[in-house]
Amino acid sequence: MVSVTSTEICGQCGGCCRHHPFVRLSKNEVNSLERATGLDAQVFAASRDKTVDEYFLQFKENGDCFFLTEHNGSYSCGAYAARPAICKNYPSEARQNQVCSDNKQKFSLAS
């Protein structure tokens, strides 16, 4: 299990990895995820159209990212080293930073 975090404010709440309508993946990102995980793209990605190289990340039935893992209340990415650009850049907006900061505070108070 990978427990690396992308920012100083990350509280490993997993909030950024849940309930997204879709996460677009480039062909290069799909290839990187295949190499890093040893999984075939059909397991974790859906293709919009067979004639276009456009892919979307699969989510679990509960809305979690396919690669999100939980261990004793902390969440991490099972494909962190090869995560897509949208994940690498999160949080990239003031609203996202605030959500991360609020969640870190909430989780640290609960500990």
N, C-alpha and C. Protein backbone atom coordinates (compact mmCIF):
# COMPACT_ATOMS: atom_id res chain seq x y z
N MET A 1 0.83 -1.17 0.00
CA MET A 1 0.00 0.00 0.00
C MET A 1 0.88 1.24 0.00
N VAL A 2 0.53 2.21 -0.81
CA VAL A 2 1.27 3.45 -0.92
C VAL A 2 0.62 4.46 0.00
N SER A 3 1.41 5.12 0.82
CA SER A 3 0.83 6.10 1.72
C SER A 3 1.46 7.48 1.54
N VAL A 4 1.92 7.76 0.37
CA VAL A 4 2.50 9.06 0.06
C VAL A 4 1.37 10.04 -0.18
N THR A 5 1.58 11.27 0.19
CA THR A 5 0.56 12.30 -0.05
C THR A 5 1.12 13.37 -0.96
N SER A 6 0.23 14.08 -1.64
CA SER A 6 0.66 15.04 -2.64
C SER A 6 0.87 16.45 -2.11
N THR A 7 0.34 16.77 -0.95
CA THR A 7 0.51 18.11 -0.42
C THR A 7 0.75 18.05 1.08
N GLU A 8 1.27 19.15 1.59
CA GLU A 8 1.50 19.25 3.03
C GLU A 8 0.20 19.21 3.82
N ILE A 9 -0.89 19.68 3.23
CA ILE A 9 -2.14 19.75 3.97
C ILE A 9 -2.96 18.47 3.89
N CYS A 10 -2.50 17.49 3.14
CA CYS A 10 -3.28 16.26 2.95
C CYS A 10 -3.42 15.50 4.26
N GLY A 11 -4.65 15.18 4.60
CA GLY A 11 -4.94 14.42 5.80
C GLY A 11 -5.32 12.99 5.50
N GLN A 12 -5.12 12.56 4.28
CA GLN A 12 -5.43 11.20 3.82
C GLN A 12 -6.88 10.83 4.08
N CYS A 13 -7.79 11.80 3.87
CA CYS A 13 -9.22 11.55 4.08
C CYS A 13 -9.85 10.87 2.87
N GLY A 14 -9.21 10.96 1.70
CA GLY A 14 -9.74 10.35 0.50
C GLY A 14 -10.85 11.14 -0.16
N GLY A 15 -11.19 12.30 0.38
CA GLY A 15 -12.29 13.09 -0.16
C GLY A 15 -12.11 13.49 -1.61
N CYS A 16 -10.88 13.68 -2.04
CA CYS A 16 -10.62 14.09 -3.42
C CYS A 16 -10.77 12.93 -4.40
N CYS A 17 -10.92 11.74 -3.91
CA CYS A 17 -10.94 10.54 -4.76
C CYS A 17 -12.31 9.87 -4.78
N ARG A 18 -13.34 10.66 -4.49
CA ARG A 18 -14.68 10.09 -4.41
C ARG A 18 -15.68 10.92 -5.20
N HIS A 19 -16.64 10.21 -5.76
CA HIS A 19 -17.84 10.81 -6.35
C HIS A 19 -17.58 11.86 -7.43
N HIS A 20 -16.59 11.60 -8.27
CA HIS A 20 -16.37 12.47 -9.43
C HIS A 20 -17.18 11.91 -10.59
N PRO A 21 -17.81 12.76 -11.39
CA PRO A 21 -18.61 12.24 -12.49
C PRO A 21 -17.75 11.51 -13.51
N PHE A 22 -16.55 12.02 -13.75
CA PHE A 22 -15.60 11.32 -14.60
C PHE A 22 -14.22 11.95 -14.45
N VAL A 23 -13.21 11.14 -14.66
CA VAL A 23 -11.82 11.60 -14.70
C VAL A 23 -11.27 11.15 -16.03
N ARG A 24 -11.00 12.11 -16.88
CA ARG A 24 -10.47 11.82 -18.22
C ARG A 24 -9.01 11.41 -18.10
N LEU A 25 -8.64 10.37 -18.84
CA LEU A 25 -7.26 9.88 -18.88
C LEU A 25 -6.73 9.98 -20.29
N SER A 26 -5.50 10.44 -20.43
CA SER A 26 -4.86 10.43 -21.74
C SER A 26 -4.34 9.01 -22.00
N LYS A 27 -4.01 8.75 -23.24
CA LYS A 27 -3.45 7.44 -23.60
C LYS A 27 -2.15 7.21 -22.83
N ASN A 28 -1.33 8.26 -22.68
CA ASN A 28 -0.08 8.13 -21.92
C ASN A 28 -0.35 7.79 -20.45
N GLU A 29 -1.39 8.40 -19.87
CA GLU A 29 -1.73 8.10 -18.48
C GLU A 29 -2.22 6.66 -18.34
N VAL A 30 -3.01 6.21 -19.30
CA VAL A 30 -3.47 4.81 -19.29
C VAL A 30 -2.27 3.88 -19.36
N ASN A 31 -1.35 4.16 -20.26
CA ASN A 31 -0.14 3.32 -20.40
C ASN A 31 0.68 3.31 -19.11
N SER A 32 0.85 4.48 -18.49
CA SER A 32 1.60 4.57 -17.23
C SER A 32 0.93 3.76 -16.13
N LEU A 33 -0.40 3.87 -16.04
CA LEU A 33 -1.13 3.11 -15.03
C LEU A 33 -1.02 1.60 -15.27
N GLU A 34 -1.06 1.20 -16.53
CA GLU A 34 -0.90 -0.22 -16.84
C GLU A 34 0.48 -0.72 -16.39
N ARG A 35 1.51 0.05 -16.71
CA ARG A 35 2.88 -0.36 -16.32
C ARG A 35 3.04 -0.39 -14.80
N ALA A 36 2.53 0.62 -14.13
CA ALA A 36 2.70 0.73 -12.68
C ALA A 36 1.92 -0.32 -11.90
N THR A 37 0.75 -0.67 -12.39
CA THR A 37 -0.12 -1.58 -11.63
C THR A 37 -0.10 -3.02 -12.14
N GLY A 38 0.35 -3.20 -13.38
CA GLY A 38 0.31 -4.54 -13.98
C GLY A 38 -1.09 -4.94 -14.43
N LEU A 39 -2.01 -3.99 -14.40
CA LEU A 39 -3.38 -4.26 -14.81
C LEU A 39 -3.61 -3.84 -16.25
N ASP A 40 -4.50 -4.53 -16.91
CA ASP A 40 -4.93 -4.13 -18.25
C ASP A 40 -5.88 -2.94 -18.12
N ALA A 41 -5.81 -2.01 -19.04
CA ALA A 41 -6.64 -0.80 -18.99
C ALA A 41 -8.12 -1.11 -18.88
N GLN A 42 -8.57 -2.21 -19.43
CA GLN A 42 -10.00 -2.55 -19.38
C GLN A 42 -10.49 -2.74 -17.94
N VAL A 43 -9.56 -3.00 -17.03
CA VAL A 43 -9.92 -3.20 -15.63
C VAL A 43 -10.23 -1.87 -14.93
N PHE A 44 -9.49 -0.81 -15.26
CA PHE A 44 -9.63 0.45 -14.54
C PHE A 44 -10.09 1.64 -15.39
N ALA A 45 -10.20 1.45 -16.69
CA ALA A 45 -10.58 2.57 -17.57
C ALA A 45 -11.69 2.14 -18.53
N ALA A 46 -12.48 3.12 -18.91
CA ALA A 46 -13.52 2.91 -19.92
C ALA A 46 -13.19 3.80 -21.10
N SER A 47 -13.40 3.29 -22.28
CA SER A 47 -13.17 4.07 -23.49
C SER A 47 -14.48 4.68 -23.94
N ARG A 48 -14.44 5.95 -24.27
CA ARG A 48 -15.67 6.63 -24.71
C ARG A 48 -16.11 6.09 -26.06
N ASP A 49 -15.15 5.86 -26.92
CA ASP A 49 -15.44 5.46 -28.29
C ASP A 49 -14.23 4.69 -28.81
N LYS A 50 -14.45 3.58 -29.43
CA LYS A 50 -13.34 2.75 -29.92
C LYS A 50 -12.51 3.45 -31.00
N THR A 51 -13.09 4.45 -31.66
CA THR A 51 -12.37 5.13 -32.73
C THR A 51 -11.54 6.31 -32.23
N VAL A 52 -11.72 6.69 -30.96
CA VAL A 52 -11.01 7.83 -30.39
C VAL A 52 -10.26 7.36 -29.15
N ASP A 53 -9.00 7.79 -29.01
CA ASP A 53 -8.23 7.46 -27.81
C ASP A 53 -8.62 8.38 -26.67
N GLU A 54 -9.82 8.18 -26.13
CA GLU A 54 -10.29 8.96 -25.00
C GLU A 54 -10.79 7.97 -23.94
N TYR A 55 -10.22 8.10 -22.75
CA TYR A 55 -10.50 7.15 -21.68
C TYR A 55 -10.95 7.87 -20.43
N PHE A 56 -11.70 7.15 -19.61
CA PHE A 56 -12.17 7.67 -18.34
C PHE A 56 -11.89 6.63 -17.27
N LEU A 57 -11.51 7.11 -16.10
CA LEU A 57 -11.22 6.23 -14.98
C LEU A 57 -12.50 5.59 -14.46
N GLN A 58 -12.43 4.32 -14.15
CA GLN A 58 -13.57 3.61 -13.56
C GLN A 58 -13.66 3.95 -12.07
N PHE A 59 -14.86 4.00 -11.55
CA PHE A 59 -15.07 4.19 -10.12
C PHE A 59 -15.80 2.97 -9.58
N LYS A 60 -15.57 2.68 -8.31
CA LYS A 60 -16.24 1.56 -7.66
C LYS A 60 -17.72 1.89 -7.49
N GLU A 61 -18.51 0.89 -7.18
CA GLU A 61 -19.96 1.10 -6.99
C GLU A 61 -20.26 2.14 -5.92
N ASN A 62 -19.40 2.27 -4.93
CA ASN A 62 -19.63 3.23 -3.84
C ASN A 62 -19.17 4.65 -4.21
N GLY A 63 -18.63 4.84 -5.43
CA GLY A 63 -18.20 6.15 -5.88
C GLY A 63 -16.73 6.45 -5.67
N ASP A 64 -16.00 5.53 -5.04
CA ASP A 64 -14.57 5.72 -4.84
C ASP A 64 -13.79 5.45 -6.11
N CYS A 65 -12.67 6.14 -6.27
CA CYS A 65 -11.76 5.87 -7.37
C CYS A 65 -11.35 4.41 -7.33
N PHE A 66 -11.14 3.84 -8.50
CA PHE A 66 -10.73 2.44 -8.60
C PHE A 66 -9.48 2.17 -7.77
N PHE A 67 -8.56 3.12 -7.68
CA PHE A 67 -7.28 2.92 -7.01
C PHE A 67 -7.26 3.37 -5.55
N LEU A 68 -8.36 3.92 -5.04
CA LEU A 68 -8.39 4.38 -3.65
C LEU A 68 -8.44 3.18 -2.72
N THR A 69 -7.54 3.18 -1.75
CA THR A 69 -7.51 2.10 -0.76
C THR A 69 -7.63 2.70 0.64
N GLU A 70 -8.22 1.94 1.54
CA GLU A 70 -8.41 2.37 2.92
C GLU A 70 -7.73 1.39 3.85
N HIS A 71 -7.06 1.93 4.85
CA HIS A 71 -6.43 1.10 5.86
C HIS A 71 -6.53 1.82 7.20
N ASN A 72 -7.31 1.26 8.10
CA ASN A 72 -7.50 1.84 9.44
C ASN A 72 -7.92 3.31 9.41
N GLY A 73 -8.82 3.66 8.51
CA GLY A 73 -9.35 5.01 8.46
C GLY A 73 -8.53 6.01 7.66
N SER A 74 -7.37 5.60 7.15
CA SER A 74 -6.57 6.47 6.30
C SER A 74 -6.67 5.96 4.87
N TYR A 75 -6.69 6.88 3.93
CA TYR A 75 -6.83 6.53 2.52
C TYR A 75 -5.55 6.84 1.77
N SER A 76 -5.27 6.03 0.77
CA SER A 76 -4.11 6.25 -0.08
C SER A 76 -4.40 5.77 -1.49
N CYS A 77 -3.51 6.13 -2.38
CA CYS A 77 -3.66 5.78 -3.79
C CYS A 77 -2.84 4.55 -4.12
N GLY A 78 -3.49 3.55 -4.69
CA GLY A 78 -2.80 2.32 -5.08
C GLY A 78 -1.98 2.47 -6.34
N ALA A 79 -2.05 3.64 -6.97
CA ALA A 79 -1.27 3.90 -8.19
C ALA A 79 -0.62 5.28 -8.12
N TYR A 80 -0.21 5.67 -6.93
CA TYR A 80 0.26 7.04 -6.68
C TYR A 80 1.35 7.49 -7.65
N ALA A 81 2.35 6.68 -7.88
CA ALA A 81 3.48 7.07 -8.75
C ALA A 81 3.02 7.35 -10.18
N ALA A 82 1.95 6.72 -10.62
CA ALA A 82 1.48 6.87 -12.00
C ALA A 82 0.13 7.59 -12.07
N ARG A 83 -0.26 8.25 -11.00
CA ARG A 83 -1.59 8.89 -10.98
C ARG A 83 -1.69 9.93 -12.09
N PRO A 84 -2.90 10.14 -12.59
CA PRO A 84 -3.12 11.10 -13.68
C PRO A 84 -2.82 12.54 -13.26
N ALA A 85 -2.65 13.41 -14.24
CA ALA A 85 -2.33 14.81 -13.99
C ALA A 85 -3.37 15.49 -13.10
N ILE A 86 -4.65 15.18 -13.30
CA ILE A 86 -5.69 15.81 -12.48
C ILE A 86 -5.47 15.50 -11.00
N CYS A 87 -4.97 14.33 -10.71
CA CYS A 87 -4.70 13.93 -9.32
C CYS A 87 -3.41 14.59 -8.82
N LYS A 88 -2.40 14.63 -9.66
CA LYS A 88 -1.14 15.27 -9.27
C LYS A 88 -1.33 16.74 -8.96
N ASN A 89 -2.23 17.39 -9.66
CA ASN A 89 -2.45 18.82 -9.50
C ASN A 89 -3.45 19.18 -8.40
N TYR A 90 -4.06 18.20 -7.78
CA TYR A 90 -5.05 18.45 -6.73
C TYR A 90 -4.34 18.74 -5.41
N PRO A 91 -4.69 19.70 -4.66
CA PRO A 91 -5.70 20.72 -4.89
C PRO A 91 -5.11 21.87 -5.71
N SER A 92 -5.83 22.29 -6.72
CA SER A 92 -5.35 23.34 -7.61
C SER A 92 -6.19 24.61 -7.54
N GLU A 93 -7.26 24.58 -6.79
CA GLU A 93 -8.14 25.74 -6.66
C GLU A 93 -8.29 26.09 -5.18
N ALA A 94 -8.60 27.34 -4.92
CA ALA A 94 -8.76 27.79 -3.53
C ALA A 94 -9.81 26.95 -2.80
N ARG A 95 -10.91 26.63 -3.48
CA ARG A 95 -11.98 25.82 -2.87
C ARG A 95 -11.47 24.43 -2.48
N GLN A 96 -10.66 23.84 -3.37
CA GLN A 96 -10.10 22.52 -3.08
C GLN A 96 -9.12 22.58 -1.91
N ASN A 97 -8.31 23.63 -1.86
CA ASN A 97 -7.39 23.80 -0.73
C ASN A 97 -8.16 23.92 0.58
N GLN A 98 -9.27 24.64 0.55
CA GLN A 98 -10.07 24.83 1.75
C GLN A 98 -10.68 23.50 2.20
N VAL A 99 -11.19 22.71 1.26
CA VAL A 99 -11.75 21.39 1.60
C VAL A 99 -10.68 20.52 2.24
N CYS A 100 -9.48 20.51 1.64
CA CYS A 100 -8.39 19.70 2.20
C CYS A 100 -8.01 20.17 3.60
N SER A 101 -7.92 21.47 3.77
CA SER A 101 -7.56 22.04 5.07
C SER A 101 -8.63 21.71 6.12
N ASP A 102 -9.90 21.87 5.75
CA ASP A 102 -11.01 21.55 6.66
C ASP A 102 -11.00 20.07 7.04
N ASN A 103 -10.79 19.20 6.06
CA ASN A 103 -10.79 17.77 6.34
C ASN A 103 -9.60 17.38 7.21
N LYS A 104 -8.45 17.99 6.99
CA LYS A 104 -7.29 17.68 7.82
C LYS A 104 -7.58 18.06 9.26
N GLN A 105 -8.18 19.24 9.47
CA GLN A 105 -8.53 19.69 10.80
C GLN A 105 -9.55 18.74 11.45
N LYS A 106 -10.55 18.36 10.69
CA LYS A 106 -11.60 17.47 11.19
C LYS A 106 -11.01 16.12 11.60
N PHE A 107 -10.14 15.57 10.76
CA PHE A 107 -9.57 14.25 11.04
C PHE A 107 -8.55 14.31 12.16
N SER A 108 -7.82 15.41 12.29
CA SER A 108 -6.83 15.50 13.37
C SER A 108 -7.53 15.68 14.72
N LEU A 109 -8.70 16.34 14.73
CA LEU A 109 -9.46 16.49 15.97
C LEU A 109 -10.08 15.18 16.40
N ALA A 110 -10.41 14.31 15.44
CA ALA A 110 -11.04 13.03 15.74
C ALA A 110 -10.02 12.01 16.26
N SER A 111 -8.76 12.25 16.00
CA SER A 111 -7.71 11.29 16.41
C SER A 111 -7.41 11.35 17.88
